[in-house]
Amino acid sequence: MLFRLAADTLVLLHLAFILWVLFGGLLVLRWPRALLIHLPALAWGLAVECLHLACPLTAWENRMRSAAGDAGYQGGFVEHYIWPLIYPVGLTEQIQLLLGMLVLLINLAVYGYVIWRARRVSG
């Protein structure tokens, strides 16, 4: 029971991290110091997505699920939890790269605006 609860909590934290990677740049608009936390998270999220790295949170969750007597799963967090919500078909590497580029473009736009606004205020 405790391992299952821990694994479920980790899933929620994992999802929160993904949302932070996607939308954390928007908080930088309000609190510029948030970029000190967001930029490393963004770099890690892009690396995992674009380089097809294994996320350690997925392995940790699978170990907890196994300890709880449940079966772990193949693939990563996005493929297991997020992708089935969006598309019922499997995730391809090309689509993963596209999603990674979309995340990068969104954040480049946000940070471009932050830089533009900072220059406008200081100049």
PDB file of N, CA and C in Angstrom:
ATOM      1  N   MET A   1       0.823  -1.198   0.000  1.00  0.00           N
ATOM      2  CA  MET A   1       0.000   0.000   0.000  1.00  0.00           C
ATOM      3  C   MET A   1       0.866   1.259   0.000  1.00  0.00           C
ATOM      4  N   LEU A   2       1.875   1.278   0.851  1.00  0.00           N
ATOM      5  CA  LEU A   2       2.735   2.456   0.958  1.00  0.00           C
ATOM      6  C   LEU A   2       3.538   2.660  -0.330  1.00  0.00           C
ATOM      7  N   PHE A   3       4.047   1.571  -0.919  1.00  0.00           N
ATOM      8  CA  PHE A   3       4.803   1.693  -2.165  1.00  0.00           C
ATOM      9  C   PHE A   3       3.903   2.160  -3.314  1.00  0.00           C
ATOM     10  N   ARG A   4       2.683   1.675  -3.336  1.00  0.00           N
ATOM     11  CA  ARG A   4       1.748   2.093  -4.385  1.00  0.00           C
ATOM     12  C   ARG A   4       1.426   3.577  -4.236  1.00  0.00           C
ATOM     13  N   LEU A   5       1.209   4.026  -3.015  1.00  0.00           N
ATOM     14  CA  LEU A   5       0.951   5.444  -2.755  1.00  0.00           C
ATOM     15  C   LEU A   5       2.167   6.288  -3.161  1.00  0.00           C
ATOM     16  N   ALA A   6       3.350   5.807  -2.830  1.00  0.00           N
ATOM     17  CA  ALA A   6       4.570   6.524  -3.209  1.00  0.00           C
ATOM     18  C   ALA A   6       4.714   6.603  -4.727  1.00  0.00           C
ATOM     19  N   ALA A   7       4.410   5.505  -5.426  1.00  0.00           N
ATOM     20  CA  ALA A   7       4.496   5.494  -6.884  1.00  0.00           C
ATOM     21  C   ALA A   7       3.469   6.456  -7.487  1.00  0.00           C
ATOM     22  N   ASP A   8       2.258   6.468  -6.947  1.00  0.00           N
ATOM     23  CA  ASP A   8       1.237   7.382  -7.446  1.00  0.00           C
ATOM     24  C   ASP A   8       1.613   8.839  -7.181  1.00  0.00           C
ATOM     25  N   THR A   9       2.194   9.102  -6.034  1.00  0.00           N
ATOM     26  CA  THR A   9       2.670  10.454  -5.714  1.00  0.00           C
ATOM     27  C   THR A   9       3.777  10.860  -6.674  1.00  0.00           C
ATOM     28  N   LEU A  10       4.656   9.932  -6.981  1.00  0.00           N
ATOM     29  CA  LEU A  10       5.730  10.218  -7.919  1.00  0.00           C
ATOM     30  C   LEU A  10       5.181  10.536  -9.308  1.00  0.00           C
ATOM     31  N   VAL A  11       4.115   9.866  -9.711  1.00  0.00           N
ATOM     32  CA  VAL A  11       3.479  10.166 -10.994  1.00  0.00           C
ATOM     33  C   VAL A  11       2.989  11.615 -11.000  1.00  0.00           C
ATOM     34  N   LEU A  12       2.376  12.040  -9.911  1.00  0.00           N
ATOM     35  CA  LEU A  12       1.897  13.421  -9.832  1.00  0.00           C
ATOM     36  C   LEU A  12       3.055  14.415  -9.850  1.00  0.00           C
ATOM     37  N   LEU A  13       4.135  14.098  -9.155  1.00  0.00           N
ATOM     38  CA  LEU A  13       5.315  14.969  -9.184  1.00  0.00           C
ATOM     39  C   LEU A  13       5.932  15.010 -10.577  1.00  0.00           C
ATOM     40  N   HIS A  14       5.942  13.875 -11.230  1.00  0.00           N
ATOM     41  CA  HIS A  14       6.475  13.784 -12.591  1.00  0.00           C
ATOM     42  C   HIS A  14       5.647  14.678 -13.529  1.00  0.00           C
ATOM     43  N   LEU A  15       4.338  14.591 -13.405  1.00  0.00           N
ATOM     44  CA  LEU A  15       3.461  15.424 -14.212  1.00  0.00           C
ATOM     45  C   LEU A  15       3.672  16.904 -13.897  1.00  0.00           C
ATOM     46  N   ALA A  16       3.825  17.232 -12.626  1.00  0.00           N
ATOM     47  CA  ALA A  16       4.079  18.624 -12.235  1.00  0.00           C
ATOM     48  C   ALA A  16       5.382  19.126 -12.853  1.00  0.00           C
ATOM     49  N   PHE A  17       6.407  18.270 -12.881  1.00  0.00           N
ATOM     50  CA  PHE A  17       7.679  18.664 -13.491  1.00  0.00           C
ATOM     51  C   PHE A  17       7.498  18.926 -14.986  1.00  0.00           C
ATOM     52  N   ILE A  18       6.757  18.069 -15.664  1.00  0.00           N
ATOM     53  CA  ILE A  18       6.514  18.258 -17.096  1.00  0.00           C
ATOM     54  C   ILE A  18       5.766  19.574 -17.334  1.00  0.00           C
ATOM     55  N   LEU A  19       4.781  19.862 -16.519  1.00  0.00           N
ATOM     56  CA  LEU A  19       4.046  21.120 -16.655  1.00  0.00           C
ATOM     57  C   LEU A  19       4.952  22.312 -16.362  1.00  0.00           C
ATOM     58  N   TRP A  20       5.861  22.163 -15.414  1.00  0.00           N
ATOM     59  CA  TRP A  20       6.833  23.215 -15.109  1.00  0.00           C
ATOM     60  C   TRP A  20       7.744  23.457 -16.318  1.00  0.00           C
ATOM     61  N   VAL A  21       8.200  22.388 -16.945  1.00  0.00           N
ATOM     62  CA  VAL A  21       9.040  22.524 -18.140  1.00  0.00           C
ATOM     63  C   VAL A  21       8.261  23.249 -19.234  1.00  0.00           C
ATOM     64  N   LEU A  22       7.019  22.868 -19.431  1.00  0.00           N
ATOM     65  CA  LEU A  22       6.212  23.465 -20.491  1.00  0.00           C
ATOM     66  C   LEU A  22       5.849  24.919 -20.223  1.00  0.00           C
ATOM     67  N   PHE A  23       5.424  25.213 -19.015  1.00  0.00           N
ATOM     68  CA  PHE A  23       4.826  26.517 -18.741  1.00  0.00           C
ATOM     69  C   PHE A  23       5.568  27.364 -17.714  1.00  0.00           C
ATOM     70  N   GLY A  24       6.681  26.876 -17.198  1.00  0.00           N
ATOM     71  CA  GLY A  24       7.433  27.627 -16.187  1.00  0.00           C
ATOM     72  C   GLY A  24       7.935  28.966 -16.685  1.00  0.00           C
ATOM     73  N   GLY A  25       8.211  29.039 -17.982  1.00  0.00           N
ATOM     74  CA  GLY A  25       8.648  30.311 -18.545  1.00  0.00           C
ATOM     75  C   GLY A  25       7.618  31.409 -18.352  1.00  0.00           C
ATOM     76  N   LEU A  26       6.348  31.052 -18.308  1.00  0.00           N
ATOM     77  CA  LEU A  26       5.309  32.051 -18.093  1.00  0.00           C
ATOM     78  C   LEU A  26       5.413  32.673 -16.700  1.00  0.00           C
ATOM     79  N   LEU A  27       5.859  31.891 -15.714  1.00  0.00           N
ATOM     80  CA  LEU A  27       6.055  32.455 -14.374  1.00  0.00           C
ATOM     81  C   LEU A  27       7.220  33.442 -14.352  1.00  0.00           C
ATOM     82  N   VAL A  28       8.169  33.246 -15.263  1.00  0.00           N
ATOM     83  CA  VAL A  28       9.306  34.162 -15.348  1.00  0.00           C
ATOM     84  C   VAL A  28       8.821  35.564 -15.739  1.00  0.00           C
ATOM     85  N   LEU A  29       7.720  35.633 -16.468  1.00  0.00           N
ATOM     86  CA  LEU A  29       7.155  36.935 -16.809  1.00  0.00           C
ATOM     87  C   LEU A  29       6.779  37.718 -15.560  1.00  0.00           C
ATOM     88  N   ARG A  30       6.313  37.008 -14.556  1.00  0.00           N
ATOM     89  CA  ARG A  30       5.881  37.643 -13.299  1.00  0.00           C
ATOM     90  C   ARG A  30       7.019  37.701 -12.287  1.00  0.00           C
ATOM     91  N   TRP A  31       7.777  36.611 -12.173  1.00  0.00           N
ATOM     92  CA  TRP A  31       8.872  36.515 -11.221  1.00  0.00           C
ATOM     93  C   TRP A  31      10.151  36.145 -11.967  1.00  0.00           C
ATOM     94  N   PRO A  32      10.925  37.131 -12.397  1.00  0.00           N
ATOM     95  CA  PRO A  32      12.118  36.865 -13.217  1.00  0.00           C
ATOM     96  C   PRO A  32      13.106  35.884 -12.596  1.00  0.00           C
ATOM     97  N   ARG A  33      13.199  35.820 -11.295  1.00  0.00           N
ATOM     98  CA  ARG A  33      14.147  34.883 -10.659  1.00  0.00           C
ATOM     99  C   ARG A  33      13.749  33.423 -10.838  1.00  0.00           C
ATOM    100  N   ALA A  34      12.526  33.179 -11.236  1.00  0.00           N
ATOM    101  CA  ALA A  34      12.079  31.808 -11.493  1.00  0.00           C
ATOM    102  C   ALA A  34      12.876  31.173 -12.621  1.00  0.00           C
ATOM    103  N   LEU A  35      13.519  32.003 -13.456  1.00  0.00           N
ATOM    104  CA  LEU A  35      14.304  31.433 -14.545  1.00  0.00           C
ATOM    105  C   LEU A  35      15.495  30.635 -14.025  1.00  0.00           C
ATOM    106  N   LEU A  36      15.956  30.922 -12.829  1.00  0.00           N
ATOM    107  CA  LEU A  36      17.061  30.153 -12.244  1.00  0.00           C
ATOM    108  C   LEU A  36      16.670  28.702 -11.987  1.00  0.00           C
ATOM    109  N   ILE A  37      15.394  28.478 -11.797  1.00  0.00           N
ATOM    110  CA  ILE A  37      14.888  27.116 -11.596  1.00  0.00           C
ATOM    111  C   ILE A  37      14.358  26.553 -12.916  1.00  0.00           C
ATOM    112  N   HIS A  38      13.742  27.409 -13.712  1.00  0.00           N
ATOM    113  CA  HIS A  38      13.122  26.919 -14.931  1.00  0.00           C
ATOM    114  C   HIS A  38      14.134  26.524 -16.002  1.00  0.00           C
ATOM    115  N   LEU A  39      15.174  27.304 -16.215  1.00  0.00           N
ATOM    116  CA  LEU A  39      16.117  26.991 -17.294  1.00  0.00           C
ATOM    117  C   LEU A  39      16.774  25.617 -17.147  1.00  0.00           C
ATOM    118  N   PRO A  40      17.258  25.235 -15.950  1.00  0.00           N
ATOM    119  CA  PRO A  40      17.791  23.862 -15.838  1.00  0.00           C
ATOM    120  C   PRO A  40      16.723  22.790 -16.060  1.00  0.00           C
ATOM    121  N   ALA A  41      15.511  23.032 -15.584  1.00  0.00           N
ATOM    122  CA  ALA A  41      14.428  22.071 -15.801  1.00  0.00           C
ATOM    123  C   ALA A  41      14.101  21.966 -17.286  1.00  0.00           C
ATOM    124  N   LEU A  42      14.075  23.092 -17.969  1.00  0.00           N
ATOM    125  CA  LEU A  42      13.814  23.102 -19.398  1.00  0.00           C
ATOM    126  C   LEU A  42      14.906  22.346 -20.149  1.00  0.00           C
ATOM    127  N   ALA A  43      16.152  22.587 -19.781  1.00  0.00           N
ATOM    128  CA  ALA A  43      17.274  21.892 -20.433  1.00  0.00           C
ATOM    129  C   ALA A  43      17.158  20.381 -20.236  1.00  0.00           C
ATOM    130  N   TRP A  44      16.852  19.962 -19.020  1.00  0.00           N
ATOM    131  CA  TRP A  44      16.708  18.527 -18.751  1.00  0.00           C
ATOM    132  C   TRP A  44      15.527  17.947 -19.527  1.00  0.00           C
ATOM    133  N   GLY A  45      14.386  18.629 -19.497  1.00  0.00           N
ATOM    134  CA  GLY A  45      13.210  18.140 -20.202  1.00  0.00           C
ATOM    135  C   GLY A  45      13.455  18.011 -21.697  1.00  0.00           C
ATOM    136  N   LEU A  46      14.122  18.996 -22.285  1.00  0.00           N
ATOM    137  CA  LEU A  46      14.426  18.925 -23.710  1.00  0.00           C
ATOM    138  C   LEU A  46      15.416  17.805 -24.007  1.00  0.00           C
ATOM    139  N   ALA A  47      16.403  17.630 -23.138  1.00  0.00           N
ATOM    140  CA  ALA A  47      17.382  16.560 -23.345  1.00  0.00           C
ATOM    141  C   ALA A  47      16.710  15.194 -23.303  1.00  0.00           C
ATOM    142  N   VAL A  48      15.856  14.986 -22.318  1.00  0.00           N
ATOM    143  CA  VAL A  48      15.156  13.698 -22.199  1.00  0.00           C
ATOM    144  C   VAL A  48      14.277  13.459 -23.420  1.00  0.00           C
ATOM    145  N   GLU A  49      13.561  14.496 -23.852  1.00  0.00           N
ATOM    146  CA  GLU A  49      12.624  14.339 -24.967  1.00  0.00           C
ATOM    147  C   GLU A  49      13.343  14.190 -26.299  1.00  0.00           C
ATOM    148  N   CYS A  50      14.315  15.046 -26.555  1.00  0.00           N
ATOM    149  CA  CYS A  50      14.946  15.073 -27.885  1.00  0.00           C
ATOM    150  C   CYS A  50      16.053  14.032 -28.051  1.00  0.00           C
ATOM    151  N   LEU A  51      16.716  13.677 -26.968  1.00  0.00           N
ATOM    152  CA  LEU A  51      17.796  12.689 -27.050  1.00  0.00           C
ATOM    153  C   LEU A  51      17.318  11.296 -26.661  1.00  0.00           C
ATOM    154  N   HIS A  52      16.046  11.181 -26.352  1.00  0.00           N
ATOM    155  CA  HIS A  52      15.428   9.899 -25.981  1.00  0.00           C
ATOM    156  C   HIS A  52      16.145   9.265 -24.780  1.00  0.00           C
ATOM    157  N   LEU A  53      16.451  10.094 -23.793  1.00  0.00           N
ATOM    158  CA  LEU A  53      17.089   9.600 -22.576  1.00  0.00           C
ATOM    159  C   LEU A  53      16.027   9.003 -21.658  1.00  0.00           C
ATOM    160  N   ALA A  54      16.441   8.076 -20.842  1.00  0.00           N
ATOM    161  CA  ALA A  54      15.528   7.501 -19.853  1.00  0.00           C
ATOM    162  C   ALA A  54      15.445   8.451 -18.664  1.00  0.00           C
ATOM    163  N   CYS A  55      14.248   8.765 -18.264  1.00  0.00           N
ATOM    164  CA  CYS A  55      14.055   9.635 -17.105  1.00  0.00           C
ATOM    165  C   CYS A  55      14.169   8.786 -15.843  1.00  0.00           C
ATOM    166  N   PRO A  56      14.977   9.218 -14.891  1.00  0.00           N
ATOM    167  CA  PRO A  56      15.133   8.416 -13.671  1.00  0.00           C
ATOM    168  C   PRO A  56      13.847   8.305 -12.855  1.00  0.00           C
ATOM    169  N   LEU A  57      12.937   9.241 -12.994  1.00  0.00           N
ATOM    170  CA  LEU A  57      11.677   9.149 -12.253  1.00  0.00           C
ATOM    171  C   LEU A  57      10.846   7.953 -12.701  1.00  0.00           C
ATOM    172  N   THR A  58      10.919   7.625 -13.994  1.00  0.00           N
ATOM    173  CA  THR A  58      10.176   6.467 -14.500  1.00  0.00           C
ATOM    174  C   THR A  58      10.715   5.178 -13.899  1.00  0.00           C
ATOM    175  N   ALA A  59      12.030   5.039 -13.881  1.00  0.00           N
ATOM    176  CA  ALA A  59      12.639   3.837 -13.284  1.00  0.00           C
ATOM    177  C   ALA A  59      12.298   3.740 -11.802  1.00  0.00           C
ATOM    178  N   TRP A  60      12.333   4.865 -11.124  1.00  0.00           N
ATOM    179  CA  TRP A  60      12.015   4.893  -9.689  1.00  0.00           C
ATOM    180  C   TRP A  60      10.559   4.485  -9.467  1.00  0.00           C
ATOM    181  N   GLU A  61       9.659   5.001 -10.283  1.00  0.00           N
ATOM    182  CA  GLU A  61       8.256   4.630 -10.152  1.00  0.00           C
ATOM    183  C   GLU A  61       8.062   3.136 -10.394  1.00  0.00           C
ATOM    184  N   ASN A  62       8.709   2.603 -11.428  1.00  0.00           N
ATOM    185  CA  ASN A  62       8.582   1.167 -11.714  1.00  0.00           C
ATOM    186  C   ASN A  62       9.100   0.322 -10.563  1.00  0.00           C
ATOM    187  N   ARG A  63      10.200   0.734  -9.931  1.00  0.00           N
ATOM    188  CA  ARG A  63      10.719  -0.020  -8.771  1.00  0.00           C
ATOM    189  C   ARG A  63       9.711   0.006  -7.624  1.00  0.00           C
ATOM    190  N   MET A  64       9.084   1.154  -7.397  1.00  0.00           N
ATOM    191  CA  MET A  64       8.089   1.233  -6.323  1.00  0.00           C
ATOM    192  C   MET A  64       6.867   0.388  -6.644  1.00  0.00           C
ATOM    193  N   ARG A  65       6.447   0.394  -7.897  1.00  0.00           N
ATOM    194  CA  ARG A  65       5.291  -0.424  -8.297  1.00  0.00           C
ATOM    195  C   ARG A  65       5.620  -1.907  -8.126  1.00  0.00           C
ATOM    196  N   SER A  66       6.824  -2.308  -8.487  1.00  0.00           N
ATOM    197  CA  SER A  66       7.236  -3.707  -8.299  1.00  0.00           C
ATOM    198  C   SER A  66       7.251  -4.065  -6.818  1.00  0.00           C
ATOM    199  N   ALA A  67       7.756  -3.151  -5.986  1.00  0.00           N
ATOM    200  CA  ALA A  67       7.785  -3.400  -4.538  1.00  0.00           C
ATOM    201  C   ALA A  67       6.370  -3.514  -3.972  1.00  0.00           C
ATOM    202  N   ALA A  68       5.406  -2.847  -4.614  1.00  0.00           N
ATOM    203  CA  ALA A  68       4.015  -2.916  -4.164  1.00  0.00           C
ATOM    204  C   ALA A  68       3.304  -4.154  -4.704  1.00  0.00           C
ATOM    205  N   GLY A  69       4.018  -4.936  -5.541  1.00  0.00           N
ATOM    206  CA  GLY A  69       3.407  -6.131  -6.110  1.00  0.00           C
ATOM    207  C   GLY A  69       2.719  -5.867  -7.442  1.00  0.00           C
ATOM    208  N   ASP A  70       2.835  -4.654  -7.949  1.00  0.00           N
ATOM    209  CA  ASP A  70       2.255  -4.313  -9.252  1.00  0.00           C
ATOM    210  C   ASP A  70       3.301  -4.543 -10.329  1.00  0.00           C
ATOM    211  N   ALA A  71       2.851  -4.546 -11.558  1.00  0.00           N
ATOM    212  CA  ALA A  71       3.779  -4.643 -12.684  1.00  0.00           C
ATOM    213  C   ALA A  71       4.238  -3.239 -13.064  1.00  0.00           C
ATOM    214  N   GLY A  72       5.507  -3.131 -13.407  1.00  0.00           N
ATOM    215  CA  GLY A  72       5.998  -1.873 -13.959  1.00  0.00           C
ATOM    216  C   GLY A  72       5.530  -1.763 -15.400  1.00  0.00           C
ATOM    217  N   TYR A  73       6.076  -0.816 -16.129  1.00  0.00           N
ATOM    218  CA  TYR A  73       5.694  -0.658 -17.526  1.00  0.00           C
ATOM    219  C   TYR A  73       6.911  -0.368 -18.375  1.00  0.00           C
ATOM    220  N   GLN A  74       6.769  -0.633 -19.662  1.00  0.00           N
ATOM    221  CA  GLN A  74       7.828  -0.358 -20.630  1.00  0.00           C
ATOM    222  C   GLN A  74       7.693   1.078 -21.110  1.00  0.00           C
ATOM    223  N   GLY A  75       8.796   1.640 -21.607  1.00  0.00           N
ATOM    224  CA  GLY A  75       8.756   2.998 -22.138  1.00  0.00           C
ATOM    225  C   GLY A  75       8.842   4.019 -21.039  1.00  0.00           C
ATOM    226  N   GLY A  76       8.603   5.255 -21.395  1.00  0.00           N
ATOM    227  CA  GLY A  76       8.716   6.353 -20.447  1.00  0.00           C
ATOM    228  C   GLY A  76       7.375   6.847 -19.944  1.00  0.00           C
ATOM    229  N   PHE A  77       7.456   7.818 -19.073  1.00  0.00           N
ATOM    230  CA  PHE A  77       6.283   8.421 -18.453  1.00  0.00           C
ATOM    231  C   PHE A  77       5.321   8.971 -19.500  1.00  0.00           C
ATOM    232  N   VAL A  78       5.861   9.737 -20.438  1.00  0.00           N
ATOM    233  CA  VAL A  78       5.010  10.360 -21.457  1.00  0.00           C
ATOM    234  C   VAL A  78       4.280   9.299 -22.264  1.00  0.00           C
ATOM    235  N   GLU A  79       5.018   8.271 -22.705  1.00  0.00           N
ATOM    236  CA  GLU A  79       4.389   7.210 -23.495  1.00  0.00           C
ATOM    237  C   GLU A  79       3.323   6.465 -22.694  1.00  0.00           C
ATOM    238  N   HIS A  80       3.570   6.274 -21.399  1.00  0.00           N
ATOM    239  CA  HIS A  80       2.661   5.465 -20.588  1.00  0.00           C
ATOM    240  C   HIS A  80       1.430   6.245 -20.113  1.00  0.00           C
ATOM    241  N   TYR A  81       1.621   7.477 -19.649  1.00  0.00           N
ATOM    242  CA  TYR A  81       0.521   8.215 -19.038  1.00  0.00           C
ATOM    243  C   TYR A  81      -0.062   9.326 -19.916  1.00  0.00           C
ATOM    244  N   ILE A  82       0.806  10.113 -20.529  1.00  0.00           N
ATOM    245  CA  ILE A  82       0.339  11.303 -21.240  1.00  0.00           C
ATOM    246  C   ILE A  82      -0.150  10.971 -22.643  1.00  0.00           C
ATOM    247  N   TRP A  83       0.681  10.234 -23.387  1.00  0.00           N
ATOM    248  CA  TRP A  83       0.349   9.960 -24.783  1.00  0.00           C
ATOM    249  C   TRP A  83      -1.006   9.274 -24.952  1.00  0.00           C
ATOM    250  N   PRO A  84      -1.338   8.265 -24.149  1.00  0.00           N
ATOM    251  CA  PRO A  84      -2.661   7.632 -24.328  1.00  0.00           C
ATOM    252  C   PRO A  84      -3.827   8.601 -24.110  1.00  0.00           C
ATOM    253  N   LEU A  85      -3.590   9.661 -23.350  1.00  0.00           N
ATOM    254  CA  LEU A  85      -4.648  10.653 -23.164  1.00  0.00           C
ATOM    255  C   LEU A  85      -4.866  11.481 -24.426  1.00  0.00           C
ATOM    256  N   ILE A  86      -3.805  11.672 -25.186  1.00  0.00           N
ATOM    257  CA  ILE A  86      -3.887  12.527 -26.373  1.00  0.00           C
ATOM    258  C   ILE A  86      -4.188  11.694 -27.615  1.00  0.00           C
ATOM    259  N   TYR A  87      -3.405  10.649 -27.822  1.00  0.00           N
ATOM    260  CA  TYR A  87      -3.558   9.790 -29.004  1.00  0.00           C
ATOM    261  C   TYR A  87      -3.509   8.341 -28.567  1.00  0.00           C
ATOM    262  N   PRO A  88      -4.410   7.508 -29.072  1.00  0.00           N
ATOM    263  CA  PRO A  88      -4.397   6.101 -28.689  1.00  0.00           C
ATOM    264  C   PRO A  88      -3.285   5.299 -29.353  1.00  0.00           C
ATOM    265  N   VAL A  89      -2.645   5.842 -30.382  1.00  0.00           N
ATOM    266  CA  VAL A  89      -1.590   5.138 -31.106  1.00  0.00           C
ATOM    267  C   VAL A  89      -0.246   5.428 -30.431  1.00  0.00           C
ATOM    268  N   GLY A  90       0.751   4.535 -30.603  1.00  0.00           N
ATOM    269  CA  GLY A  90       2.056   4.687 -29.976  1.00  0.00           C
ATOM    270  C   GLY A  90       2.812   5.934 -30.398  1.00  0.00           C
ATOM    271  N   LEU A  91       3.704   6.343 -29.539  1.00  0.00           N
ATOM    272  CA  LEU A  91       4.538   7.520 -29.751  1.00  0.00           C
ATOM    273  C   LEU A  91       5.751   7.158 -30.593  1.00  0.00           C
ATOM    274  N   THR A  92       6.009   7.920 -31.655  1.00  0.00           N
ATOM    275  CA  THR A  92       7.180   7.673 -32.487  1.00  0.00           C
ATOM    276  C   THR A  92       8.281   8.658 -32.123  1.00  0.00           C
ATOM    277  N   GLU A  93       9.508   8.341 -32.507  1.00  0.00           N
ATOM    278  CA  GLU A  93      10.626   9.239 -32.232  1.00  0.00           C
ATOM    279  C   GLU A  93      10.450  10.566 -32.957  1.00  0.00           C
ATOM    280  N   GLN A  94       9.898  10.549 -34.149  1.00  0.00           N
ATOM    281  CA  GLN A  94       9.686  11.790 -34.897  1.00  0.00           C
ATOM    282  C   GLN A  94       8.701  12.708 -34.175  1.00  0.00           C
ATOM    283  N   ILE A  95       7.654  12.127 -33.637  1.00  0.00           N
ATOM    284  CA  ILE A  95       6.666  12.936 -32.921  1.00  0.00           C
ATOM    285  C   ILE A  95       7.275  13.449 -31.618  1.00  0.00           C
ATOM    286  N   GLN A  96       8.097  12.641 -30.953  1.00  0.00           N
ATOM    287  CA  GLN A  96       8.777  13.102 -29.751  1.00  0.00           C
ATOM    288  C   GLN A  96       9.651  14.306 -30.065  1.00  0.00           C
ATOM    289  N   LEU A  97      10.393  14.248 -31.166  1.00  0.00           N
ATOM    290  CA  LEU A  97      11.227  15.384 -31.564  1.00  0.00           C
ATOM    291  C   LEU A  97      10.365  16.605 -31.847  1.00  0.00           C
ATOM    292  N   LEU A  98       9.243  16.401 -32.500  1.00  0.00           N
ATOM    293  CA  LEU A  98       8.344  17.506 -32.789  1.00  0.00           C
ATOM    294  C   LEU A  98       7.824  18.135 -31.499  1.00  0.00           C
ATOM    295  N   LEU A  99       7.428  17.302 -30.540  1.00  0.00           N
ATOM    296  CA  LEU A  99       6.958  17.815 -29.252  1.00  0.00           C
ATOM    297  C   LEU A  99       8.064  18.578 -28.531  1.00  0.00           C
ATOM    298  N   GLY A 100       9.273  18.044 -28.575  1.00  0.00           N
ATOM    299  CA  GLY A 100      10.408  18.726 -27.963  1.00  0.00           C
ATOM    300  C   GLY A 100      10.657  20.082 -28.600  1.00  0.00           C
ATOM    301  N   MET A 101      10.569  20.148 -29.916  1.00  0.00           N
ATOM    302  CA  MET A 101      10.753  21.417 -30.619  1.00  0.00           C
ATOM    303  C   MET A 101       9.639  22.409 -30.278  1.00  0.00           C
ATOM    304  N   LEU A 102       8.424  21.901 -30.113  1.00  0.00           N
ATOM    305  CA  LEU A 102       7.311  22.757 -29.726  1.00  0.00           C
ATOM    306  C   LEU A 102       7.559  23.366 -28.345  1.00  0.00           C
ATOM    307  N   VAL A 103       8.023  22.557 -27.411  1.00  0.00           N
ATOM    308  CA  VAL A 103       8.356  23.053 -26.072  1.00  0.00           C
ATOM    309  C   VAL A 103       9.444  24.120 -26.175  1.00  0.00           C
ATOM    310  N   LEU A 104      10.453  23.851 -26.982  1.00  0.00           N
ATOM    311  CA  LEU A 104      11.551  24.805 -27.155  1.00  0.00           C
ATOM    312  C   LEU A 104      11.035  26.111 -27.759  1.00  0.00           C
ATOM    313  N   LEU A 105      10.218  26.043 -28.781  1.00  0.00           N
ATOM    314  CA  LEU A 105       9.700  27.256 -29.423  1.00  0.00           C
ATOM    315  C   LEU A 105       8.831  28.080 -28.474  1.00  0.00           C
ATOM    316  N   ILE A 106       7.981  27.406 -27.716  1.00  0.00           N
ATOM    317  CA  ILE A 106       7.141  28.123 -26.747  1.00  0.00           C
ATOM    318  C   ILE A 106       8.018  28.866 -25.754  1.00  0.00           C
ATOM    319  N   ASN A 107       9.017  28.181 -25.234  1.00  0.00           N
ATOM    320  CA  ASN A 107       9.872  28.810 -24.233  1.00  0.00           C
ATOM    321  C   ASN A 107      10.784  29.870 -24.833  1.00  0.00           C
ATOM    322  N   LEU A 108      11.242  29.686 -26.063  1.00  0.00           N
ATOM    323  CA  LEU A 108      12.025  30.737 -26.725  1.00  0.00           C
ATOM    324  C   LEU A 108      11.178  31.998 -26.898  1.00  0.00           C
ATOM    325  N   ALA A 109       9.917  31.833 -27.252  1.00  0.00           N
ATOM    326  CA  ALA A 109       9.032  32.990 -27.389  1.00  0.00           C
ATOM    327  C   ALA A 109       8.854  33.709 -26.050  1.00  0.00           C
ATOM    328  N   VAL A 110       8.632  32.948 -24.989  1.00  0.00           N
ATOM    329  CA  VAL A 110       8.453  33.554 -23.668  1.00  0.00           C
ATOM    330  C   VAL A 110       9.726  34.271 -23.236  1.00  0.00           C
ATOM    331  N   TYR A 111      10.868  33.604 -23.361  1.00  0.00           N
ATOM    332  CA  TYR A 111      12.121  34.226 -22.936  1.00  0.00           C
ATOM    333  C   TYR A 111      12.515  35.376 -23.849  1.00  0.00           C
ATOM    334  N   GLY A 112      12.164  35.308 -25.129  1.00  0.00           N
ATOM    335  CA  GLY A 112      12.391  36.432 -26.025  1.00  0.00           C
ATOM    336  C   GLY A 112      11.625  37.659 -25.551  1.00  0.00           C
ATOM    337  N   TYR A 113      10.389  37.447 -25.123  1.00  0.00           N
ATOM    338  CA  TYR A 113       9.585  38.538 -24.591  1.00  0.00           C
ATOM    339  C   TYR A 113      10.175  39.067 -23.287  1.00  0.00           C
ATOM    340  N   VAL A 114      10.636  38.175 -22.418  1.00  0.00           N
ATOM    341  CA  VAL A 114      11.251  38.602 -21.156  1.00  0.00           C
ATOM    342  C   VAL A 114      12.467  39.479 -21.440  1.00  0.00           C
ATOM    343  N   ILE A 115      13.308  39.074 -22.369  1.00  0.00           N
ATOM    344  CA  ILE A 115      14.499  39.858 -22.712  1.00  0.00           C
ATOM    345  C   ILE A 115      14.098  41.189 -23.330  1.00  0.00           C
ATOM    346  N   TRP A 116      13.139  41.163 -24.242  1.00  0.00           N
ATOM    347  CA  TRP A 116      12.670  42.399 -24.869  1.00  0.00           C
ATOM    348  C   TRP A 116      12.132  43.369 -23.830  1.00  0.00           C
ATOM    349  N   ARG A 117      11.327  42.857 -22.893  1.00  0.00           N
ATOM    350  CA  ARG A 117      10.749  43.697 -21.847  1.00  0.00           C
ATOM    351  C   ARG A 117      11.821  44.265 -20.928  1.00  0.00           C
ATOM    352  N   ALA A 118      12.826  43.440 -20.581  1.00  0.00           N
ATOM    353  CA  ALA A 118      13.902  43.914 -19.710  1.00  0.00           C
ATOM    354  C   ALA A 118      14.713  45.016 -20.398  1.00  0.00           C
ATOM    355  N   ARG A 119      14.977  44.874 -21.688  1.00  0.00           N
ATOM    356  CA  ARG A 119      15.709  45.904 -22.422  1.00  0.00           C
ATOM    357  C   ARG A 119      14.895  47.188 -22.538  1.00  0.00           C
ATOM    358  N   ARG A 120      13.608  47.048 -22.724  1.00  0.00           N
ATOM    359  CA  ARG A 120      12.731  48.207 -22.848  1.00  0.00           C
ATOM    360  C   ARG A 120      12.676  48.999 -21.541  1.00  0.00           C
ATOM    361  N   VAL A 121      12.626  48.281 -20.424  1.00  0.00           N
ATOM    362  CA  VAL A 121      12.563  48.932 -19.110  1.00  0.00           C
ATOM    363  C   VAL A 121      13.890  49.596 -18.768  1.00  0.00           C
ATOM    364  N   SER A 122      15.010  48.920 -19.086  1.00  0.00           N
ATOM    365  CA  SER A 122      16.317  49.474 -18.723  1.00  0.00           C
ATOM    366  C   SER A 122      16.803  50.528 -19.694  1.00  0.00           C
ATOM    367  N   GLY A 123      16.246  50.597 -20.899  1.00  0.00           N
ATOM    368  CA  GLY A 123      16.742  51.525 -21.911  1.00  0.00           C
ATOM    369  C   GLY A 123      15.817  52.619 -22.124  1.00  0.00           C
TER     370      GLY A 123
END
